[in-house]
Amino acid sequence: FSSFGDAPGGFSEELKEFTWSLGGEYWYQDSFAFRLGYFH
């Protein structure tokens, strides 16, 4: 619980502890899929 507010650099550094990712998936006839994504 303290990990959400203990970054020594304050709130701005706390936000940097979050990672985020985006992704997509396409299915054709429920037989073939193509996927892509990005992680930061």
PDB file of all heavy atoms in Angstrom:
ATOM      1  N   PHE A   1       0.821  -1.210   0.000  1.00  0.00           N
ATOM      2  CA  PHE A   1       0.000   0.000   0.000  1.00  0.00           C
ATOM      3  C   PHE A   1       0.858   1.265   0.000  1.00  0.00           C
ATOM      4  O   PHE A   1       0.514   2.255  -0.662  1.00  0.00           O
ATOM      5  CB  PHE A   1      -0.936  -0.019   1.208  1.00  0.00           C
ATOM      6  CG  PHE A   1      -1.893  -1.177   1.202  1.00  0.00           C
ATOM      7  CD1 PHE A   1      -1.625  -2.331   1.930  1.00  0.00           C
ATOM      8  CD2 PHE A   1      -3.055  -1.132   0.453  1.00  0.00           C
ATOM      9  CE1 PHE A   1      -2.496  -3.410   1.906  1.00  0.00           C
ATOM     10  CE2 PHE A   1      -3.931  -2.209   0.420  1.00  0.00           C
ATOM     11  CZ  PHE A   1      -3.656  -3.356   1.151  1.00  0.00           C
ATOM     12  N   SER A   2       1.990   1.228   0.721  1.00  0.00           N
ATOM     13  CA  SER A   2       2.849   2.415   0.732  1.00  0.00           C
ATOM     14  C   SER A   2       3.502   2.647  -0.622  1.00  0.00           C
ATOM     15  O   SER A   2       3.956   3.753  -0.915  1.00  0.00           O
ATOM     16  CB  SER A   2       3.923   2.273   1.817  1.00  0.00           C
ATOM     17  OG  SER A   2       4.822   1.208   1.517  1.00  0.00           O
ATOM     18  N   SER A   3       3.538   1.606  -1.484  1.00  0.00           N
ATOM     19  CA  SER A   3       4.189   1.743  -2.784  1.00  0.00           C
ATOM     20  C   SER A   3       3.491   2.744  -3.691  1.00  0.00           C
ATOM     21  O   SER A   3       4.084   3.192  -4.676  1.00  0.00           O
ATOM     22  CB  SER A   3       4.253   0.379  -3.484  1.00  0.00           C
ATOM     23  OG  SER A   3       2.954  -0.086  -3.821  1.00  0.00           O
ATOM     24  N   PHE A   4       2.255   3.109  -3.372  1.00  0.00           N
ATOM     25  CA  PHE A   4       1.535   4.072  -4.197  1.00  0.00           C
ATOM     26  C   PHE A   4       1.860   5.518  -3.817  1.00  0.00           C
ATOM     27  O   PHE A   4       1.337   6.440  -4.443  1.00  0.00           O
ATOM     28  CB  PHE A   4       0.029   3.841  -4.091  1.00  0.00           C
ATOM     29  CG  PHE A   4      -0.441   2.638  -4.861  1.00  0.00           C
ATOM     30  CD1 PHE A   4      -0.564   1.401  -4.248  1.00  0.00           C
ATOM     31  CD2 PHE A   4      -0.750   2.736  -6.212  1.00  0.00           C
ATOM     32  CE1 PHE A   4      -0.994   0.287  -4.953  1.00  0.00           C
ATOM     33  CE2 PHE A   4      -1.177   1.630  -6.927  1.00  0.00           C
ATOM     34  CZ  PHE A   4      -1.296   0.405  -6.296  1.00  0.00           C
ATOM     35  N   GLY A   5       2.702   5.719  -2.809  1.00  0.00           N
ATOM     36  CA  GLY A   5       3.010   7.085  -2.420  1.00  0.00           C
ATOM     37  C   GLY A   5       4.386   7.272  -1.822  1.00  0.00           C
ATOM     38  O   GLY A   5       4.611   8.256  -1.109  1.00  0.00           O
ATOM     39  N   ASP A   6       5.322   6.362  -2.093  1.00  0.00           N
ATOM     40  CA  ASP A   6       6.639   6.448  -1.450  1.00  0.00           C
ATOM     41  C   ASP A   6       7.770   6.806  -2.395  1.00  0.00           C
ATOM     42  O   ASP A   6       8.943   6.758  -2.004  1.00  0.00           O
ATOM     43  CB  ASP A   6       6.962   5.126  -0.748  1.00  0.00           C
ATOM     44  CG  ASP A   6       7.145   3.968  -1.725  1.00  0.00           C
ATOM     45  OD1 ASP A   6       6.866   4.149  -2.929  1.00  0.00           O
ATOM     46  OD2 ASP A   6       7.559   2.882  -1.294  1.00  0.00           O
ATOM     47  N   ALA A   7       7.464   7.161  -3.633  1.00  0.00           N
ATOM     48  CA  ALA A   7       8.541   7.518  -4.565  1.00  0.00           C
ATOM     49  C   ALA A   7       9.262   8.758  -4.046  1.00  0.00           C
ATOM     50  O   ALA A   7       8.621   9.762  -3.729  1.00  0.00           O
ATOM     51  CB  ALA A   7       7.974   7.777  -5.959  1.00  0.00           C
ATOM     52  N   PRO A   8      10.587   8.718  -3.939  1.00  0.00           N
ATOM     53  CA  PRO A   8      11.308   9.859  -3.353  1.00  0.00           C
ATOM     54  C   PRO A   8      11.190  11.136  -4.163  1.00  0.00           C
ATOM     55  O   PRO A   8      11.354  12.226  -3.627  1.00  0.00           O
ATOM     56  CB  PRO A   8      12.757   9.361  -3.300  1.00  0.00           C
ATOM     57  CG  PRO A   8      12.836   8.279  -4.311  1.00  0.00           C
ATOM     58  CD  PRO A   8      11.496   7.635  -4.308  1.00  0.00           C
ATOM     59  N   GLY A   9      10.893  11.009  -5.449  1.00  0.00           N
ATOM     60  CA  GLY A   9      10.736  12.193  -6.290  1.00  0.00           C
ATOM     61  C   GLY A   9       9.340  12.759  -6.299  1.00  0.00           C
ATOM     62  O   GLY A   9       9.040  13.666  -7.092  1.00  0.00           O
ATOM     63  N   GLY A  10       8.449  12.225  -5.432  1.00  0.00           N
ATOM     64  CA  GLY A  10       7.099  12.754  -5.348  1.00  0.00           C
ATOM     65  C   GLY A  10       6.150  12.162  -6.376  1.00  0.00           C
ATOM     66  O   GLY A  10       6.401  11.103  -6.966  1.00  0.00           O
ATOM     67  N   PHE A  11       5.042  12.864  -6.587  1.00  0.00           N
ATOM     68  CA  PHE A  11       3.957  12.351  -7.433  1.00  0.00           C
ATOM     69  C   PHE A  11       4.414  12.118  -8.867  1.00  0.00           C
ATOM     70  O   PHE A  11       4.001  11.153  -9.509  1.00  0.00           O
ATOM     71  CB  PHE A  11       2.779  13.319  -7.392  1.00  0.00           C
ATOM     72  CG  PHE A  11       1.585  12.852  -8.172  1.00  0.00           C
ATOM     73  CD1 PHE A  11       0.828  11.777  -7.735  1.00  0.00           C
ATOM     74  CD2 PHE A  11       1.225  13.480  -9.354  1.00  0.00           C
ATOM     75  CE1 PHE A  11      -0.276  11.337  -8.459  1.00  0.00           C
ATOM     76  CE2 PHE A  11       0.123  13.048 -10.080  1.00  0.00           C
ATOM     77  CZ  PHE A  11      -0.630  11.979  -9.628  1.00  0.00           C
ATOM     78  N   SER A  12       5.257  12.991  -9.376  1.00  0.00           N
ATOM     79  CA  SER A  12       5.706  12.834 -10.761  1.00  0.00           C
ATOM     80  C   SER A  12       6.485  11.535 -10.940  1.00  0.00           C
ATOM     81  O   SER A  12       6.332  10.845 -11.955  1.00  0.00           O
ATOM     82  CB  SER A  12       6.559  14.028 -11.186  1.00  0.00           C
ATOM     83  OG  SER A  12       7.719  14.134 -10.379  1.00  0.00           O
ATOM     84  N   GLU A  13       7.322  11.186  -9.952  1.00  0.00           N
ATOM     85  CA  GLU A  13       8.046   9.918 -10.045  1.00  0.00           C
ATOM     86  C   GLU A  13       7.116   8.737  -9.827  1.00  0.00           C
ATOM     87  O   GLU A  13       7.291   7.681 -10.431  1.00  0.00           O
ATOM     88  CB  GLU A  13       9.191   9.873  -9.027  1.00  0.00           C
ATOM     89  CG  GLU A  13      10.021   8.604  -9.145  1.00  0.00           C
ATOM     90  CD  GLU A  13      11.203   8.541  -8.202  1.00  0.00           C
ATOM     91  OE1 GLU A  13      11.593   9.600  -7.671  1.00  0.00           O
ATOM     92  OE2 GLU A  13      11.746   7.439  -7.989  1.00  0.00           O
ATOM     93  N   GLU A  14       6.101   8.907  -8.979  1.00  0.00           N
ATOM     94  CA  GLU A  14       5.138   7.835  -8.750  1.00  0.00           C
ATOM     95  C   GLU A  14       4.438   7.453 -10.048  1.00  0.00           C
ATOM     96  O   GLU A  14       4.212   6.264 -10.335  1.00  0.00           O
ATOM     97  CB  GLU A  14       4.117   8.270  -7.704  1.00  0.00           C
ATOM     98  CG  GLU A  14       3.390   7.130  -7.022  1.00  0.00           C
ATOM     99  CD  GLU A  14       4.291   6.318  -6.112  1.00  0.00           C
ATOM    100  OE1 GLU A  14       4.957   6.894  -5.241  1.00  0.00           O
ATOM    101  OE2 GLU A  14       4.324   5.075  -6.298  1.00  0.00           O
ATOM    102  N   LEU A  15       4.084   8.456 -10.850  1.00  0.00           N
ATOM    103  CA  LEU A  15       3.431   8.176 -12.127  1.00  0.00           C
ATOM    104  C   LEU A  15       4.351   7.408 -13.070  1.00  0.00           C
ATOM    105  O   LEU A  15       3.880   6.598 -13.883  1.00  0.00           O
ATOM    106  CB  LEU A  15       2.987   9.491 -12.784  1.00  0.00           C
ATOM    107  CG  LEU A  15       1.824  10.227 -12.120  1.00  0.00           C
ATOM    108  CD1 LEU A  15       1.534  11.527 -12.865  1.00  0.00           C
ATOM    109  CD2 LEU A  15       0.572   9.364 -12.072  1.00  0.00           C
ATOM    110  N   LYS A  16       5.650   7.641 -12.954  1.00  0.00           N
ATOM    111  CA  LYS A  16       6.594   6.951 -13.823  1.00  0.00           C
ATOM    112  C   LYS A  16       6.722   5.474 -13.477  1.00  0.00           C
ATOM    113  O   LYS A  16       7.284   4.709 -14.268  1.00  0.00           O
ATOM    114  CB  LYS A  16       7.961   7.627 -13.752  1.00  0.00           C
ATOM    115  CG  LYS A  16       7.969   9.034 -14.331  1.00  0.00           C
ATOM    116  CD  LYS A  16       9.324   9.696 -14.160  1.00  0.00           C
ATOM    117  CE  LYS A  16       9.312  11.107 -14.722  1.00  0.00           C
ATOM    118  NZ  LYS A  16      10.603  11.810 -14.533  1.00  0.00           N
ATOM    119  N   GLU A  17       6.226   5.069 -12.317  1.00  0.00           N
ATOM    120  CA  GLU A  17       6.273   3.656 -11.942  1.00  0.00           C
ATOM    121  C   GLU A  17       5.190   2.837 -12.634  1.00  0.00           C
ATOM    122  O   GLU A  17       5.194   1.606 -12.548  1.00  0.00           O
ATOM    123  CB  GLU A  17       6.154   3.523 -10.423  1.00  0.00           C
ATOM    124  CG  GLU A  17       7.351   4.102  -9.672  1.00  0.00           C
ATOM    125  CD  GLU A  17       7.254   3.920  -8.178  1.00  0.00           C
ATOM    126  OE1 GLU A  17       6.216   3.401  -7.704  1.00  0.00           O
ATOM    127  OE2 GLU A  17       8.212   4.290  -7.464  1.00  0.00           O
ATOM    128  N   PHE A  18       4.254   3.491 -13.301  1.00  0.00           N
ATOM    129  CA  PHE A  18       3.231   2.790 -14.075  1.00  0.00           C
ATOM    130  C   PHE A  18       3.748   2.513 -15.478  1.00  0.00           C
ATOM    131  O   PHE A  18       4.339   3.381 -16.126  1.00  0.00           O
ATOM    132  CB  PHE A  18       1.951   3.625 -14.177  1.00  0.00           C
ATOM    133  CG  PHE A  18       1.129   3.653 -12.920  1.00  0.00           C
ATOM    134  CD1 PHE A  18       1.424   4.554 -11.916  1.00  0.00           C
ATOM    135  CD2 PHE A  18       0.070   2.781 -12.747  1.00  0.00           C
ATOM    136  CE1 PHE A  18       0.672   4.595 -10.752  1.00  0.00           C
ATOM    137  CE2 PHE A  18      -0.690   2.814 -11.588  1.00  0.00           C
ATOM    138  CZ  PHE A  18      -0.381   3.721 -10.587  1.00  0.00           C
ATOM    139  N   THR A  19       3.539   1.302 -15.947  1.00  0.00           N
ATOM    140  CA  THR A  19       3.775   0.989 -17.351  1.00  0.00           C
ATOM    141  C   THR A  19       2.423   0.931 -18.058  1.00  0.00           C
ATOM    142  O   THR A  19       1.387   0.721 -17.429  1.00  0.00           O
ATOM    143  CB  THR A  19       4.497  -0.355 -17.526  1.00  0.00           C
ATOM    144  OG1 THR A  19       3.625  -1.426 -17.110  1.00  0.00           O
ATOM    145  CG2 THR A  19       5.769  -0.398 -16.692  1.00  0.00           C
ATOM    146  N   TRP A  20       2.435   1.116 -19.366  1.00  0.00           N
ATOM    147  CA  TRP A  20       1.186   1.011 -20.116  1.00  0.00           C
ATOM    148  C   TRP A  20       1.452   0.313 -21.449  1.00  0.00           C
ATOM    149  O   TRP A  20       2.565   0.317 -21.963  1.00  0.00           O
ATOM    150  CB  TRP A  20       0.546   2.385 -20.346  1.00  0.00           C
ATOM    151  CG  TRP A  20       1.405   3.404 -21.052  1.00  0.00           C
ATOM    152  CD1 TRP A  20       2.236   4.327 -20.492  1.00  0.00           C
ATOM    153  CD2 TRP A  20       1.510   3.593 -22.483  1.00  0.00           C
ATOM    154  NE1 TRP A  20       2.851   5.078 -21.455  1.00  0.00           N
ATOM    155  CE2 TRP A  20       2.423   4.666 -22.681  1.00  0.00           C
ATOM    156  CE3 TRP A  20       0.927   2.981 -23.581  1.00  0.00           C
ATOM    157  CZ2 TRP A  20       2.758   5.118 -23.954  1.00  0.00           C
ATOM    158  CZ3 TRP A  20       1.268   3.425 -24.857  1.00  0.00           C
ATOM    159  CH2 TRP A  20       2.162   4.490 -25.030  1.00  0.00           C
ATOM    160  N   SER A  21       0.411  -0.294 -21.941  1.00  0.00           N
ATOM    161  CA  SER A  21       0.517  -1.000 -23.214  1.00  0.00           C
ATOM    162  C   SER A  21      -0.795  -0.894 -23.975  1.00  0.00           C
ATOM    163  O   SER A  21      -1.879  -0.775 -23.379  1.00  0.00           O
ATOM    164  CB  SER A  21       0.890  -2.474 -23.001  1.00  0.00           C
ATOM    165  OG  SER A  21       0.023  -3.086 -22.075  1.00  0.00           O
ATOM    166  N   LEU A  22      -0.691  -0.921 -25.279  1.00  0.00           N
ATOM    167  CA  LEU A  22      -1.834  -0.901 -26.194  1.00  0.00           C
ATOM    168  C   LEU A  22      -1.691  -2.065 -27.161  1.00  0.00           C
ATOM    169  O   LEU A  22      -0.569  -2.418 -27.561  1.00  0.00           O
ATOM    170  CB  LEU A  22      -1.904   0.421 -26.966  1.00  0.00           C
ATOM    171  CG  LEU A  22      -2.066   1.704 -26.152  1.00  0.00           C
ATOM    172  CD1 LEU A  22      -1.930   2.925 -27.057  1.00  0.00           C
ATOM    173  CD2 LEU A  22      -3.414   1.720 -25.441  1.00  0.00           C
ATOM    174  N   GLY A  23      -2.811  -2.653 -27.549  1.00  0.00           N
ATOM    175  CA  GLY A  23      -2.734  -3.784 -28.465  1.00  0.00           C
ATOM    176  C   GLY A  23      -4.032  -3.999 -29.221  1.00  0.00           C
ATOM    177  O   GLY A  23      -5.099  -3.501 -28.833  1.00  0.00           O
ATOM    178  N   GLY A  24      -3.914  -4.725 -30.298  1.00  0.00           N
ATOM    179  CA  GLY A  24      -5.074  -5.050 -31.106  1.00  0.00           C
ATOM    180  C   GLY A  24      -4.966  -6.453 -31.673  1.00  0.00           C
ATOM    181  O   GLY A  24      -3.866  -7.012 -31.812  1.00  0.00           O
ATOM    182  N   GLU A  25      -6.130  -7.025 -31.998  1.00  0.00           N
ATOM    183  CA  GLU A  25      -6.186  -8.384 -32.535  1.00  0.00           C
ATOM    184  C   GLU A  25      -7.284  -8.452 -33.589  1.00  0.00           C
ATOM    185  O   GLU A  25      -8.401  -7.972 -33.371  1.00  0.00           O
ATOM    186  CB  GLU A  25      -6.462  -9.372 -31.400  1.00  0.00           C
ATOM    187  CG  GLU A  25      -6.536 -10.828 -31.822  1.00  0.00           C
ATOM    188  CD  GLU A  25      -6.785 -11.753 -30.638  1.00  0.00           C
ATOM    189  OE1 GLU A  25      -7.714 -11.469 -29.843  1.00  0.00           O
ATOM    190  OE2 GLU A  25      -6.068 -12.750 -30.505  1.00  0.00           O
ATOM    191  N   TYR A  26      -6.959  -9.035 -34.725  1.00  0.00           N
ATOM    192  CA  TYR A  26      -7.931  -9.213 -35.800  1.00  0.00           C
ATOM    193  C   TYR A  26      -8.110 -10.708 -36.071  1.00  0.00           C
ATOM    194  O   TYR A  26      -7.130 -11.435 -36.257  1.00  0.00           O
ATOM    195  CB  TYR A  26      -7.464  -8.509 -37.072  1.00  0.00           C
ATOM    196  CG  TYR A  26      -8.243  -8.913 -38.311  1.00  0.00           C
ATOM    197  CD1 TYR A  26      -9.561  -8.489 -38.500  1.00  0.00           C
ATOM    198  CD2 TYR A  26      -7.669  -9.741 -39.280  1.00  0.00           C
ATOM    199  CE1 TYR A  26     -10.279  -8.871 -39.617  1.00  0.00           C
ATOM    200  CE2 TYR A  26      -8.374 -10.130 -40.402  1.00  0.00           C
ATOM    201  CZ  TYR A  26      -9.682  -9.696 -40.569  1.00  0.00           C
ATOM    202  OH  TYR A  26     -10.392 -10.082 -41.674  1.00  0.00           O
ATOM    203  N   TRP A  27      -9.349 -11.160 -36.072  1.00  0.00           N
ATOM    204  CA  TRP A  27      -9.667 -12.556 -36.381  1.00  0.00           C
ATOM    205  C   TRP A  27     -10.470 -12.621 -37.676  1.00  0.00           C
ATOM    206  O   TRP A  27     -11.435 -11.871 -37.871  1.00  0.00           O
ATOM    207  CB  TRP A  27     -10.484 -13.195 -35.265  1.00  0.00           C
ATOM    208  CG  TRP A  27      -9.665 -13.754 -34.148  1.00  0.00           C
ATOM    209  CD1 TRP A  27      -9.440 -13.190 -32.935  1.00  0.00           C
ATOM    210  CD2 TRP A  27      -8.961 -15.009 -34.148  1.00  0.00           C
ATOM    211  NE1 TRP A  27      -8.634 -14.000 -32.173  1.00  0.00           N
ATOM    212  CE2 TRP A  27      -8.320 -15.124 -32.885  1.00  0.00           C
ATOM    213  CE3 TRP A  27      -8.787 -16.027 -35.083  1.00  0.00           C
ATOM    214  CZ2 TRP A  27      -7.542 -16.221 -32.554  1.00  0.00           C
ATOM    215  CZ3 TRP A  27      -8.003 -17.115 -34.747  1.00  0.00           C
ATOM    216  CH2 TRP A  27      -7.396 -17.215 -33.502  1.00  0.00           C
ATOM    217  N   TYR A  28     -10.076 -13.548 -38.552  1.00  0.00           N
ATOM    218  CA  TYR A  28     -10.837 -13.821 -39.769  1.00  0.00           C
ATOM    219  C   TYR A  28     -11.367 -15.247 -39.718  1.00  0.00           C
ATOM    220  O   TYR A  28     -10.593 -16.211 -39.580  1.00  0.00           O
ATOM    221  CB  TYR A  28      -9.950 -13.642 -41.006  1.00  0.00           C
ATOM    222  CG  TYR A  28     -10.660 -13.997 -42.288  1.00  0.00           C
ATOM    223  CD1 TYR A  28     -11.690 -13.193 -42.781  1.00  0.00           C
ATOM    224  CD2 TYR A  28     -10.319 -15.145 -43.002  1.00  0.00           C
ATOM    225  CE1 TYR A  28     -12.351 -13.518 -43.956  1.00  0.00           C
ATOM    226  CE2 TYR A  28     -10.968 -15.484 -44.173  1.00  0.00           C
ATOM    227  CZ  TYR A  28     -11.992 -14.665 -44.646  1.00  0.00           C
ATOM    228  OH  TYR A  28     -12.658 -15.007 -45.797  1.00  0.00           O
ATOM    229  N   GLN A  29     -12.676 -15.372 -39.790  1.00  0.00           N
ATOM    230  CA  GLN A  29     -13.368 -16.663 -39.764  1.00  0.00           C
ATOM    231  C   GLN A  29     -12.986 -17.499 -38.541  1.00  0.00           C
ATOM    232  O   GLN A  29     -13.061 -18.731 -38.584  1.00  0.00           O
ATOM    233  CB  GLN A  29     -13.087 -17.455 -41.050  1.00  0.00           C
ATOM    234  CG  GLN A  29     -13.829 -16.925 -42.259  1.00  0.00           C
ATOM    235  CD  GLN A  29     -13.741 -17.870 -43.451  1.00  0.00           C
ATOM    236  OE1 GLN A  29     -12.796 -18.637 -43.588  1.00  0.00           O
ATOM    237  NE2 GLN A  29     -14.742 -17.822 -44.311  1.00  0.00           N
ATOM    238  N   ASP A  30     -12.581 -16.843 -37.505  1.00  0.00           N
ATOM    239  CA  ASP A  30     -12.200 -17.525 -36.266  1.00  0.00           C
ATOM    240  C   ASP A  30     -11.106 -18.565 -36.506  1.00  0.00           C
ATOM    241  O   ASP A  30     -10.977 -19.540 -35.758  1.00  0.00           O
ATOM    242  CB  ASP A  30     -13.429 -18.192 -35.626  1.00  0.00           C
ATOM    243  CG  ASP A  30     -13.293 -18.333 -34.118  1.00  0.00           C
ATOM    244  OD1 ASP A  30     -12.598 -17.494 -33.512  1.00  0.00           O
ATOM    245  OD2 ASP A  30     -13.873 -19.273 -33.548  1.00  0.00           O
ATOM    246  N   SER A  31     -10.317 -18.351 -37.580  1.00  0.00           N
ATOM    247  CA  SER A  31      -9.285 -19.318 -37.949  1.00  0.00           C
ATOM    248  C   SER A  31      -7.896 -18.707 -38.037  1.00  0.00           C
ATOM    249  O   SER A  31      -6.902 -19.403 -37.799  1.00  0.00           O
ATOM    250  CB  SER A  31      -9.620 -19.971 -39.301  1.00  0.00           C
ATOM    251  OG  SER A  31     -10.845 -20.671 -39.224  1.00  0.00           O
ATOM    252  N   PHE A  32      -7.817 -17.437 -38.408  1.00  0.00           N
ATOM    253  CA  PHE A  32      -6.532 -16.771 -38.526  1.00  0.00           C
ATOM    254  C   PHE A  32      -6.574 -15.447 -37.774  1.00  0.00           C
ATOM    255  O   PHE A  32      -7.553 -14.708 -37.868  1.00  0.00           O
ATOM    256  CB  PHE A  32      -6.174 -16.515 -39.990  1.00  0.00           C
ATOM    257  CG  PHE A  32      -4.968 -15.647 -40.159  1.00  0.00           C
ATOM    258  CD1 PHE A  32      -3.693 -16.159 -39.979  1.00  0.00           C
ATOM    259  CD2 PHE A  32      -5.106 -14.297 -40.472  1.00  0.00           C
ATOM    260  CE1 PHE A  32      -2.579 -15.349 -40.110  1.00  0.00           C
ATOM    261  CE2 PHE A  32      -3.990 -13.485 -40.611  1.00  0.00           C
ATOM    262  CZ  PHE A  32      -2.717 -14.017 -40.433  1.00  0.00           C
ATOM    263  N   ALA A  33      -5.506 -15.151 -37.034  1.00  0.00           N
ATOM    264  CA  ALA A  33      -5.432 -13.914 -36.256  1.00  0.00           C
ATOM    265  C   ALA A  33      -4.141 -13.175 -36.555  1.00  0.00           C
ATOM    266  O   ALA A  33      -3.087 -13.787 -36.769  1.00  0.00           O
ATOM    267  CB  ALA A  33      -5.516 -14.220 -34.760  1.00  0.00           C
ATOM    268  N   PHE A  34      -4.242 -11.851 -36.579  1.00  0.00           N
ATOM    269  CA  PHE A  34      -3.074 -10.985 -36.687  1.00  0.00           C
ATOM    270  C   PHE A  34      -3.097 -10.019 -35.504  1.00  0.00           C
ATOM    271  O   PHE A  34      -4.151  -9.466 -35.172  1.00  0.00           O
ATOM    272  CB  PHE A  34      -3.079 -10.206 -38.000  1.00  0.00           C
ATOM    273  CG  PHE A  34      -1.956  -9.212 -38.103  1.00  0.00           C
ATOM    274  CD1 PHE A  34      -0.658  -9.625 -38.350  1.00  0.00           C
ATOM    275  CD2 PHE A  34      -2.202  -7.852 -37.927  1.00  0.00           C
ATOM    276  CE1 PHE A  34       0.378  -8.715 -38.423  1.00  0.00           C
ATOM    277  CE2 PHE A  34      -1.172  -6.933 -38.003  1.00  0.00           C
ATOM    278  CZ  PHE A  34       0.128  -7.366 -38.256  1.00  0.00           C
ATOM    279  N   ARG A  35      -1.934  -9.817 -34.872  1.00  0.00           N
ATOM    280  CA  ARG A  35      -1.883  -9.010 -33.646  1.00  0.00           C
ATOM    281  C   ARG A  35      -0.719  -8.014 -33.708  1.00  0.00           C
ATOM    282  O   ARG A  35       0.299  -8.272 -34.345  1.00  0.00           O
ATOM    283  CB  ARG A  35      -1.703  -9.916 -32.422  1.00  0.00           C
ATOM    284  CG  ARG A  35      -2.733 -11.026 -32.332  1.00  0.00           C
ATOM    285  CD  ARG A  35      -2.493 -11.945 -31.143  1.00  0.00           C
ATOM    286  NE  ARG A  35      -3.488 -13.016 -31.130  1.00  0.00           N
ATOM    287  CZ  ARG A  35      -3.241 -14.285 -31.450  1.00  0.00           C
ATOM    288  NH1 ARG A  35      -2.015 -14.647 -31.786  1.00  0.00           N
ATOM    289  NH2 ARG A  35      -4.206 -15.185 -31.418  1.00  0.00           N
ATOM    290  N   LEU A  36      -0.909  -6.911 -33.014  1.00  0.00           N
ATOM    291  CA  LEU A  36       0.169  -5.943 -32.838  1.00  0.00           C
ATOM    292  C   LEU A  36      -0.012  -5.238 -31.507  1.00  0.00           C
ATOM    293  O   LEU A  36      -1.109  -5.201 -30.941  1.00  0.00           O
ATOM    294  CB  LEU A  36       0.213  -4.946 -34.001  1.00  0.00           C
ATOM    295  CG  LEU A  36      -1.059  -4.177 -34.374  1.00  0.00           C
ATOM    296  CD1 LEU A  36      -1.258  -2.952 -33.496  1.00  0.00           C
ATOM    297  CD2 LEU A  36      -0.998  -3.749 -35.832  1.00  0.00           C
ATOM    298  N   GLY A  37       1.086  -4.676 -30.995  1.00  0.00           N
ATOM    299  CA  GLY A  37       1.006  -4.013 -29.703  1.00  0.00           C
ATOM    300  C   GLY A  37       2.224  -3.151 -29.439  1.00  0.00           C
ATOM    301  O   GLY A  37       3.219  -3.175 -30.172  1.00  0.00           O
ATOM    302  N   TYR A  38       2.119  -2.382 -28.356  1.00  0.00           N
ATOM    303  CA  TYR A  38       3.215  -1.511 -27.938  1.00  0.00           C
ATOM    304  C   TYR A  38       3.246  -1.456 -26.420  1.00  0.00           C
ATOM    305  O   TYR A  38       2.199  -1.345 -25.770  1.00  0.00           O
ATOM    306  CB  TYR A  38       3.053  -0.098 -28.506  1.00  0.00           C
ATOM    307  CG  TYR A  38       4.158   0.845 -28.061  1.00  0.00           C
ATOM    308  CD1 TYR A  38       5.413   0.782 -28.636  1.00  0.00           C
ATOM    309  CD2 TYR A  38       3.932   1.782 -27.055  1.00  0.00           C
ATOM    310  CE1 TYR A  38       6.440   1.624 -28.228  1.00  0.00           C
ATOM    311  CE2 TYR A  38       4.949   2.635 -26.636  1.00  0.00           C
ATOM    312  CZ  TYR A  38       6.199   2.553 -27.227  1.00  0.00           C
ATOM    313  OH  TYR A  38       7.208   3.383 -26.810  1.00  0.00           O
ATOM    314  N   PHE A  39       4.456  -1.514 -25.855  1.00  0.00           N
ATOM    315  CA  PHE A  39       4.654  -1.472 -24.403  1.00  0.00           C
ATOM    316  C   PHE A  39       5.585  -0.312 -24.078  1.00  0.00           C
ATOM    317  O   PHE A  39       6.602  -0.106 -24.748  1.00  0.00           O
ATOM    318  CB  PHE A  39       5.267  -2.786 -23.922  1.00  0.00           C
ATOM    319  CG  PHE A  39       5.530  -2.849 -22.437  1.00  0.00           C
ATOM    320  CD1 PHE A  39       4.611  -3.419 -21.576  1.00  0.00           C
ATOM    321  CD2 PHE A  39       6.712  -2.337 -21.901  1.00  0.00           C
ATOM    322  CE1 PHE A  39       4.854  -3.480 -20.210  1.00  0.00           C
ATOM    323  CE2 PHE A  39       6.966  -2.395 -20.542  1.00  0.00           C
ATOM    324  CZ  PHE A  39       6.032  -2.967 -19.700  1.00  0.00           C
ATOM    325  N   HIS A  40       5.240   0.434 -22.999  1.00  0.00           N
ATOM    326  CA  HIS A  40       6.053   1.591 -22.628  1.00  0.00           C
ATOM    327  C   HIS A  40       6.319   1.604 -21.130  1.00  0.00           C
ATOM    328  O   HIS A  40       5.396   1.452 -20.315  1.00  0.00           O
ATOM    329  CB  HIS A  40       5.347   2.894 -23.013  1.00  0.00           C
ATOM    330  CG  HIS A  40       6.139   4.128 -22.645  1.00  0.00           C
ATOM    331  ND1 HIS A  40       7.060   4.686 -23.484  1.00  0.00           N
ATOM    332  CD2 HIS A  40       6.133   4.890 -21.522  1.00  0.00           C
ATOM    333  CE1 HIS A  40       7.600   5.744 -22.906  1.00  0.00           C
ATOM    334  NE2 HIS A  40       7.054   5.898 -21.710  1.00  0.00           N
TER     335      HIS A  40
END
